[in-house]
Amino acid sequence: MPRPKATGNAARARQLRQQMSLPEVLLWNLLRKAPDGVVFRRQHPVGLFVVDFYCARAKVCIEIDGQAHDMGDRPERDSALRVLGLEVLRIPAADVLKSPEDIGEALVRYCKR
């Protein structure tokens, strides 16, 4: 049975999942298996936005800051997410490229707190 056509942020999230950057892919390969029982979602619609990663249990949005994020509406976006009761963590893409394992482990620890 064909999947119903998504609209709005759901469609945008699906599109972004197909266009993930290298740092996002490296991190997702570590987070996708729910390490230590912590579940993450990738390119997840939240309110009016699509965040790179989301942990519902901890109410944490994770943004991997690379070139695309340098051109956006970060302060307004972060404020809007905080109004929804969410915390926003921004991680430089260079840090993920340097050591995706360390970043992944730190995110799991942070979301378990």
N, C-alpha and C. Protein backbone atom coordinates (compact mmCIF):
# COMPACT_ATOMS: atom_id res chain seq x y z
N MET A 1 0.84 -1.18 0.00
CA MET A 1 0.00 0.00 0.00
C MET A 1 0.89 1.24 0.00
N PRO A 2 0.67 2.18 -0.90
CA PRO A 2 1.52 3.36 -0.96
C PRO A 2 1.34 4.25 0.27
N ARG A 3 2.44 4.89 0.65
CA ARG A 3 2.42 5.81 1.77
C ARG A 3 1.67 7.08 1.37
N PRO A 4 0.81 7.61 2.26
CA PRO A 4 0.11 8.85 1.92
C PRO A 4 1.10 9.99 1.73
N LYS A 5 0.77 10.89 0.86
CA LYS A 5 1.66 12.00 0.56
C LYS A 5 1.72 12.96 1.76
N ALA A 6 2.94 13.22 2.24
CA ALA A 6 3.12 14.10 3.38
C ALA A 6 3.11 15.56 2.91
N THR A 7 2.70 16.42 3.79
CA THR A 7 2.69 17.84 3.48
C THR A 7 3.48 18.60 4.54
N GLY A 8 3.86 19.82 4.23
CA GLY A 8 4.50 20.68 5.21
C GLY A 8 5.81 20.14 5.75
N ASN A 9 5.94 20.23 7.08
CA ASN A 9 7.19 19.84 7.72
C ASN A 9 7.49 18.35 7.59
N ALA A 10 6.47 17.52 7.57
CA ALA A 10 6.71 16.08 7.43
C ALA A 10 7.38 15.78 6.09
N ALA A 11 6.90 16.41 5.04
CA ALA A 11 7.50 16.21 3.71
C ALA A 11 8.92 16.78 3.69
N ARG A 12 9.11 17.93 4.31
CA ARG A 12 10.44 18.54 4.36
C ARG A 12 11.41 17.65 5.14
N ALA A 13 10.94 17.08 6.26
CA ALA A 13 11.78 16.20 7.06
C ALA A 13 12.19 14.98 6.26
N ARG A 14 11.24 14.39 5.55
CA ARG A 14 11.55 13.22 4.72
C ARG A 14 12.60 13.57 3.67
N GLN A 15 12.46 14.74 3.06
CA GLN A 15 13.43 15.18 2.06
C GLN A 15 14.82 15.38 2.69
N LEU A 16 14.86 15.99 3.87
CA LEU A 16 16.14 16.24 4.54
C LEU A 16 16.83 14.95 4.97
N ARG A 17 16.05 13.92 5.27
CA ARG A 17 16.65 12.63 5.63
C ARG A 17 17.44 12.05 4.46
N GLN A 18 17.04 12.39 3.26
CA GLN A 18 17.74 11.91 2.07
C GLN A 18 18.95 12.76 1.73
N GLN A 19 19.07 13.93 2.37
CA GLN A 19 20.14 14.88 2.03
C GLN A 19 21.02 15.21 3.23
N MET A 20 21.19 14.28 4.13
CA MET A 20 21.96 14.56 5.34
C MET A 20 23.43 14.81 5.01
N SER A 21 24.03 15.71 5.78
CA SER A 21 25.45 16.01 5.60
C SER A 21 26.29 14.87 6.19
N LEU A 22 27.56 14.84 5.86
CA LEU A 22 28.44 13.79 6.37
C LEU A 22 28.46 13.76 7.91
N PRO A 23 28.60 14.90 8.61
CA PRO A 23 28.57 14.84 10.07
C PRO A 23 27.25 14.27 10.61
N GLU A 24 26.14 14.61 9.99
CA GLU A 24 24.84 14.08 10.41
C GLU A 24 24.77 12.57 10.19
N VAL A 25 25.26 12.10 9.07
CA VAL A 25 25.25 10.66 8.77
C VAL A 25 26.13 9.91 9.77
N LEU A 26 27.32 10.42 10.04
CA LEU A 26 28.22 9.77 10.99
C LEU A 26 27.58 9.67 12.38
N LEU A 27 26.95 10.75 12.80
CA LEU A 27 26.31 10.75 14.11
C LEU A 27 25.08 9.84 14.13
N TRP A 28 24.30 9.88 13.07
CA TRP A 28 23.11 9.03 13.00
C TRP A 28 23.47 7.55 13.05
N ASN A 29 24.56 7.17 12.42
CA ASN A 29 24.99 5.77 12.45
C ASN A 29 25.25 5.30 13.88
N LEU A 30 25.60 6.22 14.76
CA LEU A 30 25.82 5.87 16.17
C LEU A 30 24.55 5.95 17.00
N LEU A 31 23.68 6.90 16.68
CA LEU A 31 22.49 7.14 17.50
C LEU A 31 21.28 6.31 17.10
N ARG A 32 21.28 5.78 15.91
CA ARG A 32 20.10 5.11 15.37
C ARG A 32 19.72 3.85 16.12
N LYS A 33 20.65 3.25 16.83
CA LYS A 33 20.39 1.99 17.52
C LYS A 33 19.96 2.19 18.97
N ALA A 34 19.52 3.39 19.32
CA ALA A 34 19.08 3.72 20.68
C ALA A 34 20.12 3.29 21.72
N PRO A 35 21.32 3.88 21.65
CA PRO A 35 22.37 3.49 22.59
C PRO A 35 21.94 3.73 24.03
N ASP A 36 22.19 2.72 24.86
CA ASP A 36 21.87 2.79 26.29
C ASP A 36 20.38 3.10 26.52
N GLY A 37 19.55 2.72 25.56
CA GLY A 37 18.11 2.90 25.69
C GLY A 37 17.60 4.29 25.36
N VAL A 38 18.47 5.18 24.89
CA VAL A 38 18.07 6.55 24.54
C VAL A 38 17.71 6.59 23.06
N VAL A 39 16.47 6.97 22.79
CA VAL A 39 15.96 6.98 21.41
C VAL A 39 16.10 8.38 20.82
N PHE A 40 16.69 8.43 19.65
CA PHE A 40 16.84 9.68 18.90
C PHE A 40 16.08 9.55 17.59
N ARG A 41 15.59 10.67 17.11
CA ARG A 41 14.97 10.75 15.78
C ARG A 41 15.82 11.70 14.95
N ARG A 42 15.90 11.43 13.67
CA ARG A 42 16.69 12.32 12.80
C ARG A 42 15.76 13.14 11.93
N GLN A 43 16.21 14.35 11.61
CA GLN A 43 15.43 15.25 10.76
C GLN A 43 13.96 15.19 11.16
N HIS A 44 13.71 15.61 12.39
CA HIS A 44 12.39 15.45 13.00
C HIS A 44 11.63 16.77 13.03
N PRO A 45 10.37 16.78 12.54
CA PRO A 45 9.57 18.01 12.60
C PRO A 45 9.19 18.34 14.05
N VAL A 46 9.46 19.57 14.44
CA VAL A 46 9.08 20.07 15.76
C VAL A 46 8.51 21.47 15.56
N GLY A 47 7.25 21.64 15.83
CA GLY A 47 6.62 22.94 15.60
C GLY A 47 6.76 23.33 14.14
N LEU A 48 7.26 24.52 13.93
CA LEU A 48 7.43 25.03 12.56
C LEU A 48 8.75 24.62 11.91
N PHE A 49 9.56 23.86 12.64
CA PHE A 49 10.91 23.57 12.20
C PHE A 49 11.16 22.08 12.04
N VAL A 50 12.27 21.77 11.39
CA VAL A 50 12.78 20.39 11.32
C VAL A 50 14.16 20.44 11.96
N VAL A 51 14.34 19.68 13.05
CA VAL A 51 15.62 19.68 13.75
C VAL A 51 16.44 18.49 13.30
N ASP A 52 17.76 18.61 13.37
CA ASP A 52 18.65 17.55 12.91
C ASP A 52 18.40 16.24 13.67
N PHE A 53 18.40 16.33 15.00
CA PHE A 53 18.14 15.16 15.85
C PHE A 53 17.25 15.60 17.00
N TYR A 54 16.45 14.67 17.51
CA TYR A 54 15.54 14.98 18.60
C TYR A 54 15.45 13.80 19.55
N CYS A 55 15.54 14.09 20.83
CA CYS A 55 15.34 13.09 21.87
C CYS A 55 14.10 13.50 22.66
N ALA A 56 12.99 12.81 22.44
CA ALA A 56 11.73 13.17 23.09
C ALA A 56 11.81 12.96 24.60
N ARG A 57 12.47 11.91 25.02
CA ARG A 57 12.58 11.60 26.45
C ARG A 57 13.19 12.76 27.24
N ALA A 58 14.21 13.39 26.67
CA ALA A 58 14.91 14.49 27.33
C ALA A 58 14.41 15.86 26.87
N LYS A 59 13.54 15.88 25.87
CA LYS A 59 13.06 17.13 25.27
C LYS A 59 14.24 17.99 24.79
N VAL A 60 15.13 17.34 24.02
CA VAL A 60 16.34 17.99 23.53
C VAL A 60 16.37 17.94 22.01
N CYS A 61 16.58 19.10 21.41
CA CYS A 61 16.80 19.22 19.97
C CYS A 61 18.30 19.39 19.76
N ILE A 62 18.85 18.67 18.81
CA ILE A 62 20.29 18.73 18.55
C ILE A 62 20.49 19.21 17.12
N GLU A 63 21.25 20.28 17.00
CA GLU A 63 21.55 20.84 15.68
C GLU A 63 23.04 20.71 15.43
N ILE A 64 23.40 20.16 14.28
CA ILE A 64 24.79 20.07 13.86
C ILE A 64 25.06 21.30 13.01
N ASP A 65 25.85 22.20 13.56
CA ASP A 65 26.09 23.48 12.90
C ASP A 65 27.18 23.39 11.86
N GLY A 66 26.75 23.46 10.62
CA GLY A 66 27.66 23.50 9.48
C GLY A 66 27.32 24.72 8.67
N GLN A 67 27.64 24.69 7.41
CA GLN A 67 27.43 25.83 6.53
C GLN A 67 25.96 26.23 6.43
N ALA A 68 25.06 25.27 6.30
CA ALA A 68 23.63 25.60 6.15
C ALA A 68 23.10 26.33 7.38
N HIS A 69 23.58 25.98 8.55
CA HIS A 69 23.10 26.61 9.77
C HIS A 69 23.67 28.01 9.95
N ASP A 70 24.77 28.30 9.29
CA ASP A 70 25.38 29.63 9.41
C ASP A 70 24.57 30.68 8.65
N MET A 71 23.64 30.26 7.81
CA MET A 71 22.89 31.21 7.00
C MET A 71 21.44 31.36 7.46
N GLY A 72 21.09 30.80 8.60
CA GLY A 72 19.69 30.74 8.97
C GLY A 72 19.28 31.70 10.05
N ASP A 73 18.17 31.34 10.66
CA ASP A 73 17.51 32.15 11.67
C ASP A 73 17.71 31.54 13.06
N ARG A 74 18.95 31.22 13.39
CA ARG A 74 19.24 30.47 14.61
C ARG A 74 18.64 31.07 15.88
N PRO A 75 18.85 32.36 16.19
CA PRO A 75 18.30 32.87 17.46
C PRO A 75 16.78 32.77 17.54
N GLU A 76 16.09 33.11 16.47
CA GLU A 76 14.63 33.04 16.47
C GLU A 76 14.16 31.59 16.55
N ARG A 77 14.83 30.75 15.84
CA ARG A 77 14.50 29.31 15.83
C ARG A 77 14.70 28.71 17.21
N ASP A 78 15.85 28.98 17.82
CA ASP A 78 16.13 28.45 19.15
C ASP A 78 15.12 28.97 20.16
N SER A 79 14.78 30.24 20.08
CA SER A 79 13.79 30.82 21.00
C SER A 79 12.43 30.16 20.83
N ALA A 80 12.02 29.93 19.59
CA ALA A 80 10.73 29.30 19.33
C ALA A 80 10.71 27.87 19.88
N LEU A 81 11.81 27.14 19.76
CA LEU A 81 11.88 25.79 20.29
C LEU A 81 11.86 25.80 21.82
N ARG A 82 12.52 26.78 22.41
CA ARG A 82 12.52 26.89 23.88
C ARG A 82 11.12 27.21 24.40
N VAL A 83 10.37 28.01 23.67
CA VAL A 83 8.99 28.31 24.07
C VAL A 83 8.16 27.03 24.13
N LEU A 84 8.50 26.06 23.31
CA LEU A 84 7.81 24.76 23.32
C LEU A 84 8.30 23.86 24.46
N GLY A 85 9.22 24.37 25.29
CA GLY A 85 9.73 23.60 26.41
C GLY A 85 10.88 22.68 26.04
N LEU A 86 11.54 22.97 24.93
CA LEU A 86 12.63 22.13 24.45
C LEU A 86 13.97 22.82 24.66
N GLU A 87 14.98 22.02 24.88
CA GLU A 87 16.34 22.52 24.99
C GLU A 87 17.00 22.35 23.63
N VAL A 88 17.85 23.29 23.26
CA VAL A 88 18.54 23.22 21.97
C VAL A 88 20.04 23.12 22.21
N LEU A 89 20.65 22.06 21.68
CA LEU A 89 22.09 21.89 21.73
C LEU A 89 22.64 22.09 20.32
N ARG A 90 23.66 22.92 20.21
CA ARG A 90 24.30 23.16 18.92
C ARG A 90 25.71 22.60 18.97
N ILE A 91 26.03 21.76 18.01
CA ILE A 91 27.34 21.11 17.97
C ILE A 91 27.99 21.44 16.64
N PRO A 92 29.20 21.97 16.66
CA PRO A 92 29.88 22.27 15.39
C PRO A 92 30.13 20.99 14.59
N ALA A 93 29.88 21.06 13.31
CA ALA A 93 30.09 19.91 12.42
C ALA A 93 31.54 19.44 12.49
N ALA A 94 32.48 20.37 12.64
CA ALA A 94 33.90 20.00 12.72
C ALA A 94 34.16 19.09 13.91
N ASP A 95 33.46 19.32 15.03
CA ASP A 95 33.63 18.46 16.21
C ASP A 95 33.12 17.05 15.94
N VAL A 96 32.01 16.96 15.22
CA VAL A 96 31.46 15.63 14.88
C VAL A 96 32.44 14.91 13.95
N LEU A 97 32.97 15.61 12.97
CA LEU A 97 33.91 14.99 12.04
C LEU A 97 35.17 14.52 12.75
N LYS A 98 35.61 15.28 13.74
CA LYS A 98 36.82 14.94 14.48
C LYS A 98 36.62 13.66 15.30
N SER A 99 35.47 13.53 15.96
CA SER A 99 35.24 12.36 16.80
C SER A 99 33.75 12.09 16.98
N PRO A 100 33.11 11.47 15.99
CA PRO A 100 31.68 11.20 16.12
C PRO A 100 31.35 10.33 17.33
N GLU A 101 32.23 9.41 17.67
CA GLU A 101 31.98 8.53 18.82
C GLU A 101 31.90 9.33 20.11
N ASP A 102 32.84 10.26 20.31
CA ASP A 102 32.82 11.08 21.52
C ASP A 102 31.56 11.94 21.60
N ILE A 103 31.17 12.53 20.48
CA ILE A 103 29.96 13.36 20.46
C ILE A 103 28.74 12.50 20.74
N GLY A 104 28.66 11.35 20.09
CA GLY A 104 27.52 10.45 20.32
C GLY A 104 27.40 10.03 21.77
N GLU A 105 28.52 9.64 22.37
CA GLU A 105 28.51 9.23 23.78
C GLU A 105 28.10 10.38 24.69
N ALA A 106 28.60 11.58 24.40
CA ALA A 106 28.25 12.75 25.20
C ALA A 106 26.75 13.06 25.09
N LEU A 107 26.19 12.93 23.90
CA LEU A 107 24.76 13.18 23.72
C LEU A 107 23.92 12.17 24.49
N VAL A 108 24.32 10.92 24.47
CA VAL A 108 23.58 9.89 25.20
C VAL A 108 23.62 10.20 26.70
N ARG A 109 24.81 10.52 27.21
CA ARG A 109 24.93 10.87 28.64
C ARG A 109 24.06 12.07 28.98
N TYR A 110 24.10 13.08 28.12
CA TYR A 110 23.34 14.31 28.36
C TYR A 110 21.84 14.03 28.39
N CYS A 111 21.38 13.22 27.46
CA CYS A 111 19.94 12.94 27.37
C CYS A 111 19.46 11.99 28.46
N LYS A 112 20.38 11.27 29.09
CA LYS A 112 20.01 10.36 30.18
C LYS A 112 19.93 11.09 31.51
N ARG A 113 20.48 12.28 31.60
CA ARG A 113 20.55 12.98 32.89
C ARG A 113 19.21 13.22 33.52
